[in-house]
Amino acid sequence: MIDITLYRSALCPRCHMARKTLYELIDNKPEIHVEEVDIVTNPLRAWKDGIRFIPTLKSGDKILSGVFLSRTEIHNFLKEAGLQL
């Protein structure tokens, strides 16, 4: 089982695109569990987790964050997290 946390906001169009790409890449991958944390409704959780920017993906000690997360960046992050794509 691979656990990934997606830190996002429902108001963020960049987050929407990162979320869409993430779910496209993990389609039919039951070994992946994605937890979504909305920073608007859970600001303390995001802060305690060290998240200062959205969108952010986190798996273990691996973090991917940026203004725009490309499909390639998300793909590479998933491979580093241990997913066979």
N, C-alpha and C. Protein backbone atom coordinates (compact mmCIF):
# COMPACT_ATOMS: atom_id res chain seq x y z
N MET A 1 0.85 -1.19 0.00
CA MET A 1 0.00 0.00 0.00
C MET A 1 0.88 1.24 0.00
N ILE A 2 0.59 2.15 -0.90
CA ILE A 2 1.29 3.43 -0.98
C ILE A 2 0.31 4.52 -0.57
N ASP A 3 0.70 5.28 0.44
CA ASP A 3 -0.13 6.39 0.91
C ASP A 3 0.40 7.70 0.36
N ILE A 4 -0.49 8.47 -0.24
CA ILE A 4 -0.14 9.78 -0.78
C ILE A 4 -1.12 10.79 -0.20
N THR A 5 -0.59 11.92 0.23
CA THR A 5 -1.44 13.00 0.71
C THR A 5 -1.36 14.14 -0.30
N LEU A 6 -2.52 14.60 -0.72
CA LEU A 6 -2.62 15.74 -1.62
C LEU A 6 -3.13 16.92 -0.82
N TYR A 7 -2.29 17.93 -0.66
CA TYR A 7 -2.68 19.16 0.01
C TYR A 7 -3.15 20.11 -1.07
N ARG A 8 -4.36 20.62 -0.89
CA ARG A 8 -4.99 21.42 -1.95
C ARG A 8 -6.00 22.37 -1.34
N SER A 9 -6.61 23.16 -2.21
CA SER A 9 -7.75 23.99 -1.86
C SER A 9 -8.77 23.86 -2.98
N ALA A 10 -10.02 23.81 -2.61
CA ALA A 10 -11.08 23.74 -3.61
C ALA A 10 -11.12 25.01 -4.46
N LEU A 11 -10.51 26.08 -3.98
CA LEU A 11 -10.52 27.36 -4.69
C LEU A 11 -9.33 27.52 -5.64
N CYS A 12 -8.44 26.54 -5.68
CA CYS A 12 -7.19 26.65 -6.42
C CYS A 12 -7.27 25.88 -7.75
N PRO A 13 -7.24 26.58 -8.89
CA PRO A 13 -7.31 25.88 -10.17
C PRO A 13 -6.07 25.01 -10.44
N ARG A 14 -4.91 25.42 -9.93
CA ARG A 14 -3.70 24.61 -10.10
C ARG A 14 -3.83 23.29 -9.34
N CYS A 15 -4.48 23.36 -8.18
CA CYS A 15 -4.71 22.16 -7.37
C CYS A 15 -5.67 21.21 -8.10
N HIS A 16 -6.66 21.78 -8.73
CA HIS A 16 -7.62 20.97 -9.48
C HIS A 16 -6.91 20.20 -10.60
N MET A 17 -6.02 20.87 -11.30
CA MET A 17 -5.29 20.22 -12.39
C MET A 17 -4.35 19.13 -11.85
N ALA A 18 -3.66 19.42 -10.75
CA ALA A 18 -2.77 18.41 -10.15
C ALA A 18 -3.57 17.20 -9.69
N ARG A 19 -4.72 17.44 -9.09
CA ARG A 19 -5.59 16.35 -8.61
C ARG A 19 -6.06 15.49 -9.79
N LYS A 20 -6.49 16.15 -10.85
CA LYS A 20 -6.97 15.44 -12.03
C LYS A 20 -5.86 14.56 -12.62
N THR A 21 -4.68 15.11 -12.75
CA THR A 21 -3.54 14.37 -13.29
C THR A 21 -3.17 13.20 -12.38
N LEU A 22 -3.14 13.44 -11.07
CA LEU A 22 -2.82 12.38 -10.12
C LEU A 22 -3.78 11.20 -10.28
N TYR A 23 -5.07 11.49 -10.30
CA TYR A 23 -6.06 10.42 -10.41
C TYR A 23 -6.02 9.72 -11.78
N GLU A 24 -5.66 10.44 -12.81
CA GLU A 24 -5.50 9.80 -14.12
C GLU A 24 -4.34 8.80 -14.09
N LEU A 25 -3.24 9.19 -13.44
CA LEU A 25 -2.06 8.34 -13.39
C LEU A 25 -2.24 7.12 -12.49
N ILE A 26 -3.09 7.23 -11.47
CA ILE A 26 -3.26 6.09 -10.55
C ILE A 26 -4.54 5.31 -10.81
N ASP A 27 -5.21 5.61 -11.91
CA ASP A 27 -6.42 4.88 -12.26
C ASP A 27 -6.12 3.38 -12.30
N ASN A 28 -6.98 2.59 -11.69
CA ASN A 28 -6.82 1.13 -11.62
C ASN A 28 -5.58 0.70 -10.85
N LYS A 29 -5.17 1.48 -9.86
CA LYS A 29 -4.05 1.13 -8.99
C LYS A 29 -4.57 1.04 -7.55
N PRO A 30 -5.18 -0.10 -7.18
CA PRO A 30 -5.79 -0.21 -5.86
C PRO A 30 -4.77 -0.16 -4.71
N GLU A 31 -3.49 -0.30 -5.02
CA GLU A 31 -2.47 -0.27 -3.98
C GLU A 31 -2.14 1.15 -3.52
N ILE A 32 -2.79 2.14 -4.13
CA ILE A 32 -2.54 3.54 -3.75
C ILE A 32 -3.75 4.09 -3.00
N HIS A 33 -3.44 4.69 -1.87
CA HIS A 33 -4.47 5.37 -1.08
C HIS A 33 -4.14 6.86 -1.08
N VAL A 34 -5.08 7.68 -1.53
CA VAL A 34 -4.88 9.12 -1.56
C VAL A 34 -5.76 9.77 -0.50
N GLU A 35 -5.11 10.54 0.36
CA GLU A 35 -5.82 11.37 1.34
C GLU A 35 -5.73 12.80 0.84
N GLU A 36 -6.87 13.46 0.76
CA GLU A 36 -6.88 14.86 0.34
C GLU A 36 -7.09 15.75 1.56
N VAL A 37 -6.22 16.73 1.71
CA VAL A 37 -6.32 17.67 2.81
C VAL A 37 -6.55 19.06 2.22
N ASP A 38 -7.72 19.61 2.49
CA ASP A 38 -8.04 20.96 2.03
C ASP A 38 -7.47 21.93 3.06
N ILE A 39 -6.55 22.77 2.62
CA ILE A 39 -5.87 23.66 3.57
C ILE A 39 -6.78 24.77 4.10
N VAL A 40 -7.89 25.01 3.43
CA VAL A 40 -8.82 26.03 3.91
C VAL A 40 -9.57 25.51 5.14
N THR A 41 -9.96 24.25 5.10
CA THR A 41 -10.70 23.67 6.23
C THR A 41 -9.80 22.98 7.24
N ASN A 42 -8.53 22.73 6.88
CA ASN A 42 -7.58 22.08 7.78
C ASN A 42 -6.24 22.81 7.83
N PRO A 43 -6.24 24.11 8.12
CA PRO A 43 -4.98 24.86 8.06
C PRO A 43 -3.95 24.39 9.09
N LEU A 44 -4.39 24.01 10.27
CA LEU A 44 -3.46 23.57 11.31
C LEU A 44 -2.77 22.27 10.91
N ARG A 45 -3.52 21.35 10.33
CA ARG A 45 -2.94 20.08 9.87
C ARG A 45 -1.87 20.35 8.83
N ALA A 46 -2.19 21.19 7.84
CA ALA A 46 -1.21 21.50 6.79
C ALA A 46 0.03 22.16 7.38
N TRP A 47 -0.17 23.09 8.29
CA TRP A 47 0.95 23.80 8.91
C TRP A 47 1.84 22.83 9.69
N LYS A 48 1.22 21.96 10.49
CA LYS A 48 1.98 20.97 11.27
C LYS A 48 2.74 19.99 10.37
N ASP A 49 2.18 19.71 9.19
CA ASP A 49 2.82 18.81 8.24
C ASP A 49 3.92 19.51 7.43
N GLY A 50 4.11 20.81 7.67
CA GLY A 50 5.17 21.56 6.99
C GLY A 50 4.79 22.05 5.61
N ILE A 51 3.51 22.06 5.31
CA ILE A 51 3.05 22.47 3.98
C ILE A 51 2.87 23.99 3.98
N ARG A 52 3.58 24.64 3.05
CA ARG A 52 3.51 26.10 2.96
C ARG A 52 3.06 26.56 1.58
N PHE A 53 2.78 25.60 0.70
CA PHE A 53 2.46 25.93 -0.68
C PHE A 53 1.55 24.84 -1.24
N ILE A 54 0.62 25.23 -2.08
CA ILE A 54 -0.23 24.22 -2.72
C ILE A 54 -0.19 24.42 -4.23
N PRO A 55 -0.38 23.38 -4.99
CA PRO A 55 -0.59 22.01 -4.57
C PRO A 55 0.70 21.34 -4.11
N THR A 56 0.54 20.39 -3.19
CA THR A 56 1.66 19.60 -2.70
C THR A 56 1.23 18.15 -2.60
N LEU A 57 2.11 17.27 -3.04
CA LEU A 57 1.95 15.83 -2.86
C LEU A 57 2.99 15.37 -1.87
N LYS A 58 2.59 14.48 -0.97
CA LYS A 58 3.53 13.97 0.03
C LYS A 58 3.32 12.47 0.17
N SER A 59 4.42 11.74 0.19
CA SER A 59 4.40 10.30 0.43
C SER A 59 5.63 9.97 1.25
N GLY A 60 5.42 9.57 2.50
CA GLY A 60 6.56 9.34 3.39
C GLY A 60 7.32 10.63 3.57
N ASP A 61 8.62 10.60 3.28
CA ASP A 61 9.42 11.82 3.41
C ASP A 61 9.61 12.53 2.07
N LYS A 62 8.96 12.04 1.03
CA LYS A 62 9.04 12.65 -0.29
C LYS A 62 7.94 13.70 -0.46
N ILE A 63 8.32 14.87 -0.97
CA ILE A 63 7.37 15.96 -1.17
C ILE A 63 7.56 16.55 -2.57
N LEU A 64 6.44 16.78 -3.23
CA LEU A 64 6.45 17.47 -4.53
C LEU A 64 5.52 18.67 -4.41
N SER A 65 6.07 19.84 -4.65
CA SER A 65 5.29 21.06 -4.54
C SER A 65 5.75 22.03 -5.62
N GLY A 66 4.83 22.84 -6.11
CA GLY A 66 5.22 23.81 -7.12
C GLY A 66 4.05 24.61 -7.61
N VAL A 67 4.34 25.66 -8.32
CA VAL A 67 3.29 26.51 -8.88
C VAL A 67 2.42 25.71 -9.83
N PHE A 68 3.07 24.94 -10.69
CA PHE A 68 2.35 24.07 -11.62
C PHE A 68 3.04 22.72 -11.60
N LEU A 69 2.31 21.68 -11.22
CA LEU A 69 2.87 20.33 -11.21
C LEU A 69 2.53 19.65 -12.53
N SER A 70 3.56 19.43 -13.32
CA SER A 70 3.34 18.82 -14.64
C SER A 70 3.06 17.33 -14.50
N ARG A 71 2.52 16.77 -15.55
CA ARG A 71 2.25 15.33 -15.58
C ARG A 71 3.55 14.54 -15.35
N THR A 72 4.64 14.99 -15.96
CA THR A 72 5.93 14.32 -15.81
C THR A 72 6.41 14.37 -14.37
N GLU A 73 6.29 15.53 -13.73
CA GLU A 73 6.71 15.65 -12.33
C GLU A 73 5.90 14.73 -11.42
N ILE A 74 4.59 14.69 -11.63
CA ILE A 74 3.74 13.83 -10.81
C ILE A 74 4.06 12.37 -11.09
N HIS A 75 4.27 12.01 -12.34
CA HIS A 75 4.64 10.65 -12.73
C HIS A 75 5.94 10.23 -12.03
N ASN A 76 6.95 11.09 -12.09
CA ASN A 76 8.22 10.79 -11.45
C ASN A 76 8.09 10.68 -9.93
N PHE A 77 7.27 11.52 -9.34
CA PHE A 77 7.01 11.45 -7.89
C PHE A 77 6.41 10.10 -7.52
N LEU A 78 5.43 9.65 -8.31
CA LEU A 78 4.79 8.36 -8.04
C LEU A 78 5.79 7.21 -8.17
N LYS A 79 6.68 7.28 -9.14
CA LYS A 79 7.69 6.24 -9.29
C LYS A 79 8.63 6.23 -8.10
N GLU A 80 9.04 7.43 -7.62
CA GLU A 80 9.91 7.52 -6.46
C GLU A 80 9.23 7.00 -5.20
N ALA A 81 7.90 7.14 -5.16
CA ALA A 81 7.12 6.65 -4.01
C ALA A 81 6.96 5.13 -4.05
N GLY A 82 7.36 4.51 -5.16
CA GLY A 82 7.33 3.06 -5.24
C GLY A 82 6.26 2.48 -6.14
N LEU A 83 5.56 3.32 -6.88
CA LEU A 83 4.52 2.82 -7.77
C LEU A 83 5.11 2.40 -9.10
N GLN A 84 4.71 1.23 -9.56
CA GLN A 84 5.11 0.75 -10.87
C GLN A 84 4.09 1.25 -11.89
N LEU A 85 4.49 2.19 -12.74
CA LEU A 85 3.58 2.75 -13.75
C LEU A 85 3.85 2.16 -15.10
